[in-house]
Amino acid sequence: MTERKDAMPEKTDGPGAGCPIRGVLDRIGDQWSLLTLEALETEKKRFNELLREVGDISKQMLSKTLRHLEQDGYISRTVYPEVPPRVEYELTELGRSFLTPMKTLIQRAEQNHPEIIRSRLRHGAE
């Protein structure tokens, strides 16, 4: 594989070091990232709104997920100088561009879920 001159240098450690596919899948393939991105699809939201909408996620895990999605550029975080401070999260252009493949993946999972479950049962998997 040849190195592109305009390519960003990759870290030598951490999620997906040296491999763009692994780096993306490590981040968005976790248990909560897709659900969080989906919750932000239509409008910006505050932390507690996301907590309710994603459901069954701890505050700590949602905080970690939001931090990772922000670090990778999928969402932006805006802090308003109010008392108490108001913080809102919304999709960036990168996050919006991910909605189409994300929806395709979700749709495929929903359509094929019954067959996957039948196959798991045939093979004795949980």
C-alpha atoms as a PDB file:
ATOM      1  CA  MET A   1       0.000   0.000   0.000  1.00  0.00           C
ATOM      2  CA  THR A   2       1.445   3.398  -0.946  1.00  0.00           C
ATOM      3  CA  GLU A   3       1.283   6.321   1.409  1.00  0.00           C
ATOM      4  CA  ARG A   4      -0.731   9.324   0.282  1.00  0.00           C
ATOM      5  CA  LYS A   5       1.041  12.654   0.592  1.00  0.00           C
ATOM      6  CA  ASP A   6      -2.102  14.358   1.892  1.00  0.00           C
ATOM      7  CA  ALA A   7      -2.840  11.624   4.439  1.00  0.00           C
ATOM      8  CA  MET A   8      -2.861  12.570   8.090  1.00  0.00           C
ATOM      9  CA  PRO A   9      -0.166  10.875  10.146  1.00  0.00           C
ATOM     10  CA  GLU A  10      -1.645   8.087  12.244  1.00  0.00           C
ATOM     11  CA  LYS A  11      -0.932   7.488  15.885  1.00  0.00           C
ATOM     12  CA  THR A  12       1.069   4.337  16.488  1.00  0.00           C
ATOM     13  CA  ASP A  13      -1.194   3.235  19.329  1.00  0.00           C
ATOM     14  CA  GLY A  14      -4.861   3.481  20.255  1.00  0.00           C
ATOM     15  CA  PRO A  15      -8.039   2.582  18.389  1.00  0.00           C
ATOM     16  CA  GLY A  16      -7.319   1.366  14.878  1.00  0.00           C
ATOM     17  CA  ALA A  17      -3.749   2.617  14.758  1.00  0.00           C
ATOM     18  CA  GLY A  18      -2.548   2.443  11.172  1.00  0.00           C
ATOM     19  CA  CYS A  19      -5.819   1.065   9.776  1.00  0.00           C
ATOM     20  CA  PRO A  20      -8.626   3.471   8.801  1.00  0.00           C
ATOM     21  CA  ILE A  21     -11.281   0.737   8.696  1.00  0.00           C
ATOM     22  CA  ARG A  22     -10.388  -0.607  12.127  1.00  0.00           C
ATOM     23  CA  GLY A  23     -10.167   2.914  13.516  1.00  0.00           C
ATOM     24  CA  VAL A  24     -13.682   3.791  12.374  1.00  0.00           C
ATOM     25  CA  LEU A  25     -15.215   0.459  13.334  1.00  0.00           C
ATOM     26  CA  ASP A  26     -13.601   0.542  16.770  1.00  0.00           C
ATOM     27  CA  ARG A  27     -15.360   3.831  17.407  1.00  0.00           C
ATOM     28  CA  ILE A  28     -18.780   3.470  15.784  1.00  0.00           C
ATOM     29  CA  GLY A  29     -19.013  -0.290  16.255  1.00  0.00           C
ATOM     30  CA  ASP A  30     -19.317  -0.114  20.013  1.00  0.00           C
ATOM     31  CA  GLN A  31     -22.569  -0.729  21.820  1.00  0.00           C
ATOM     32  CA  TRP A  32     -23.662   2.914  22.125  1.00  0.00           C
ATOM     33  CA  SER A  33     -22.260   5.099  19.332  1.00  0.00           C
ATOM     34  CA  LEU A  34     -24.800   4.231  16.627  1.00  0.00           C
ATOM     35  CA  LEU A  35     -27.694   4.739  19.044  1.00  0.00           C
ATOM     36  CA  THR A  36     -26.261   8.087  20.118  1.00  0.00           C
ATOM     37  CA  LEU A  37     -25.758   9.266  16.531  1.00  0.00           C
ATOM     38  CA  GLU A  38     -29.279   8.141  15.655  1.00  0.00           C
ATOM     39  CA  ALA A  39     -30.675  10.098  18.622  1.00  0.00           C
ATOM     40  CA  LEU A  40     -28.999  13.254  17.292  1.00  0.00           C
ATOM     41  CA  GLU A  41     -30.290  12.805  13.743  1.00  0.00           C
ATOM     42  CA  THR A  42     -33.117  15.347  13.839  1.00  0.00           C
ATOM     43  CA  GLU A  43     -31.973  17.996  16.313  1.00  0.00           C
ATOM     44  CA  LYS A  44     -29.394  19.007  18.874  1.00  0.00           C
ATOM     45  CA  LYS A  45     -29.954  17.600  22.322  1.00  0.00           C
ATOM     46  CA  ARG A  46     -28.827  18.043  25.879  1.00  0.00           C
ATOM     47  CA  PHE A  47     -27.171  15.298  27.885  1.00  0.00           C
ATOM     48  CA  ASN A  48     -30.271  14.226  29.827  1.00  0.00           C
ATOM     49  CA  GLU A  49     -32.365  14.140  26.645  1.00  0.00           C
ATOM     50  CA  LEU A  50     -29.810  11.775  25.120  1.00  0.00           C
ATOM     51  CA  LEU A  51     -29.729   9.713  28.284  1.00  0.00           C
ATOM     52  CA  ARG A  52     -33.506   9.202  28.093  1.00  0.00           C
ATOM     53  CA  GLU A  53     -33.594   8.607  24.343  1.00  0.00           C
ATOM     54  CA  VAL A  54     -30.700   6.144  24.145  1.00  0.00           C
ATOM     55  CA  GLY A  55     -32.008   4.340  27.222  1.00  0.00           C
ATOM     56  CA  ASP A  56     -30.315   1.640  29.266  1.00  0.00           C
ATOM     57  CA  ILE A  57     -26.986   3.506  29.196  1.00  0.00           C
ATOM     58  CA  SER A  58     -25.202   4.813  32.274  1.00  0.00           C
ATOM     59  CA  LYS A  59     -24.280   8.475  32.615  1.00  0.00           C
ATOM     60  CA  GLN A  60     -20.607   7.533  32.595  1.00  0.00           C
ATOM     61  CA  MET A  61     -20.903   5.492  29.397  1.00  0.00           C
ATOM     62  CA  LEU A  62     -22.909   8.194  27.618  1.00  0.00           C
ATOM     63  CA  SER A  63     -20.318  10.762  28.652  1.00  0.00           C
ATOM     64  CA  LYS A  64     -17.500   8.557  27.335  1.00  0.00           C
ATOM     65  CA  THR A  65     -19.393   7.873  24.083  1.00  0.00           C
ATOM     66  CA  LEU A  66     -20.061  11.571  23.506  1.00  0.00           C
ATOM     67  CA  ARG A  67     -16.418  12.405  24.186  1.00  0.00           C
ATOM     68  CA  HIS A  68     -15.221   9.801  21.664  1.00  0.00           C
ATOM     69  CA  LEU A  69     -17.711  10.900  18.999  1.00  0.00           C
ATOM     70  CA  GLU A  70     -16.623  14.509  19.512  1.00  0.00           C
ATOM     71  CA  GLN A  71     -12.921  13.568  19.326  1.00  0.00           C
ATOM     72  CA  ASP A  72     -13.545  11.832  15.994  1.00  0.00           C
ATOM     73  CA  GLY A  73     -15.540  14.777  14.630  1.00  0.00           C
ATOM     74  CA  TYR A  74     -18.977  13.121  14.395  1.00  0.00           C
ATOM     75  CA  ILE A  75     -20.612  15.507  16.879  1.00  0.00           C
ATOM     76  CA  SER A  76     -20.004  18.953  18.288  1.00  0.00           C
ATOM     77  CA  ARG A  77     -20.505  20.090  21.855  1.00  0.00           C
ATOM     78  CA  THR A  78     -21.634  23.641  22.605  1.00  0.00           C
ATOM     79  CA  VAL A  79     -21.450  25.090  26.110  1.00  0.00           C
ATOM     80  CA  TYR A  80     -23.617  28.163  26.722  1.00  0.00           C
ATOM     81  CA  PRO A  81     -22.419  30.661  29.354  1.00  0.00           C
ATOM     82  CA  GLU A  82     -25.477  30.431  31.569  1.00  0.00           C
ATOM     83  CA  VAL A  83     -26.017  29.550  35.195  1.00  0.00           C
ATOM     84  CA  PRO A  84     -26.238  26.617  35.350  1.00  0.00           C
ATOM     85  CA  PRO A  85     -24.262  25.980  32.142  1.00  0.00           C
ATOM     86  CA  ARG A  86     -26.266  24.523  29.265  1.00  0.00           C
ATOM     87  CA  VAL A  87     -24.517  22.003  27.022  1.00  0.00           C
ATOM     88  CA  GLU A  88     -25.927  20.790  23.719  1.00  0.00           C
ATOM     89  CA  TYR A  89     -24.709  18.118  21.329  1.00  0.00           C
ATOM     90  CA  GLU A  90     -25.359  17.973  17.593  1.00  0.00           C
ATOM     91  CA  LEU A  91     -24.146  16.164  14.515  1.00  0.00           C
ATOM     92  CA  THR A  92     -21.358  17.730  12.472  1.00  0.00           C
ATOM     93  CA  GLU A  93     -21.207  17.453   8.688  1.00  0.00           C
ATOM     94  CA  LEU A  94     -19.101  14.324   9.146  1.00  0.00           C
ATOM     95  CA  GLY A  95     -21.752  12.906  11.467  1.00  0.00           C
ATOM     96  CA  ARG A  96     -24.543  13.753   9.021  1.00  0.00           C
ATOM     97  CA  SER A  97     -22.630  12.127   6.163  1.00  0.00           C
ATOM     98  CA  PHE A  98     -22.475   8.936   8.221  1.00  0.00           C
ATOM     99  CA  LEU A  99     -26.285   8.728   8.579  1.00  0.00           C
ATOM    100  CA  THR A 100     -26.844   7.140   5.154  1.00  0.00           C
ATOM    101  CA  PRO A 101     -24.499   4.156   5.600  1.00  0.00           C
ATOM    102  CA  MET A 102     -25.580   3.907   9.247  1.00  0.00           C
ATOM    103  CA  LYS A 103     -29.251   3.650   8.263  1.00  0.00           C
ATOM    104  CA  THR A 104     -28.398   1.022   5.659  1.00  0.00           C
ATOM    105  CA  LEU A 105     -26.610  -1.014   8.333  1.00  0.00           C
ATOM    106  CA  ILE A 106     -29.520  -0.620  10.781  1.00  0.00           C
ATOM    107  CA  GLN A 107     -32.066  -1.571   8.114  1.00  0.00           C
ATOM    108  CA  ARG A 108     -30.038  -4.616   7.129  1.00  0.00           C
ATOM    109  CA  ALA A 109     -29.740  -5.685  10.767  1.00  0.00           C
ATOM    110  CA  GLU A 110     -33.484  -5.324  11.317  1.00  0.00           C
ATOM    111  CA  GLN A 111     -34.368  -7.219   8.131  1.00  0.00           C
ATOM    112  CA  ASN A 112     -31.961 -10.080   8.794  1.00  0.00           C
ATOM    113  CA  HIS A 113     -32.326 -10.362  12.565  1.00  0.00           C
ATOM    114  CA  PRO A 114     -34.856 -13.250  12.489  1.00  0.00           C
ATOM    115  CA  GLU A 115     -32.626 -15.296  10.169  1.00  0.00           C
ATOM    116  CA  ILE A 116     -29.553 -14.586  12.279  1.00  0.00           C
ATOM    117  CA  ILE A 117     -31.393 -15.700  15.428  1.00  0.00           C
ATOM    118  CA  ARG A 118     -32.575 -18.916  13.690  1.00  0.00           C
ATOM    119  CA  SER A 119     -29.014 -19.635  12.588  1.00  0.00           C
ATOM    120  CA  ARG A 120     -27.660 -19.041  16.083  1.00  0.00           C
ATOM    121  CA  LEU A 121     -30.252 -21.403  17.512  1.00  0.00           C
ATOM    122  CA  ARG A 122     -29.321 -24.084  14.953  1.00  0.00           C
ATOM    123  CA  HIS A 123     -25.691 -23.793  16.034  1.00  0.00           C
ATOM    124  CA  GLY A 124     -26.402 -23.623  19.745  1.00  0.00           C
ATOM    125  CA  ALA A 125     -25.186 -20.042  20.149  1.00  0.00           C
ATOM    126  CA  GLU A 126     -26.816 -17.499  22.441  1.00  0.00           C
END
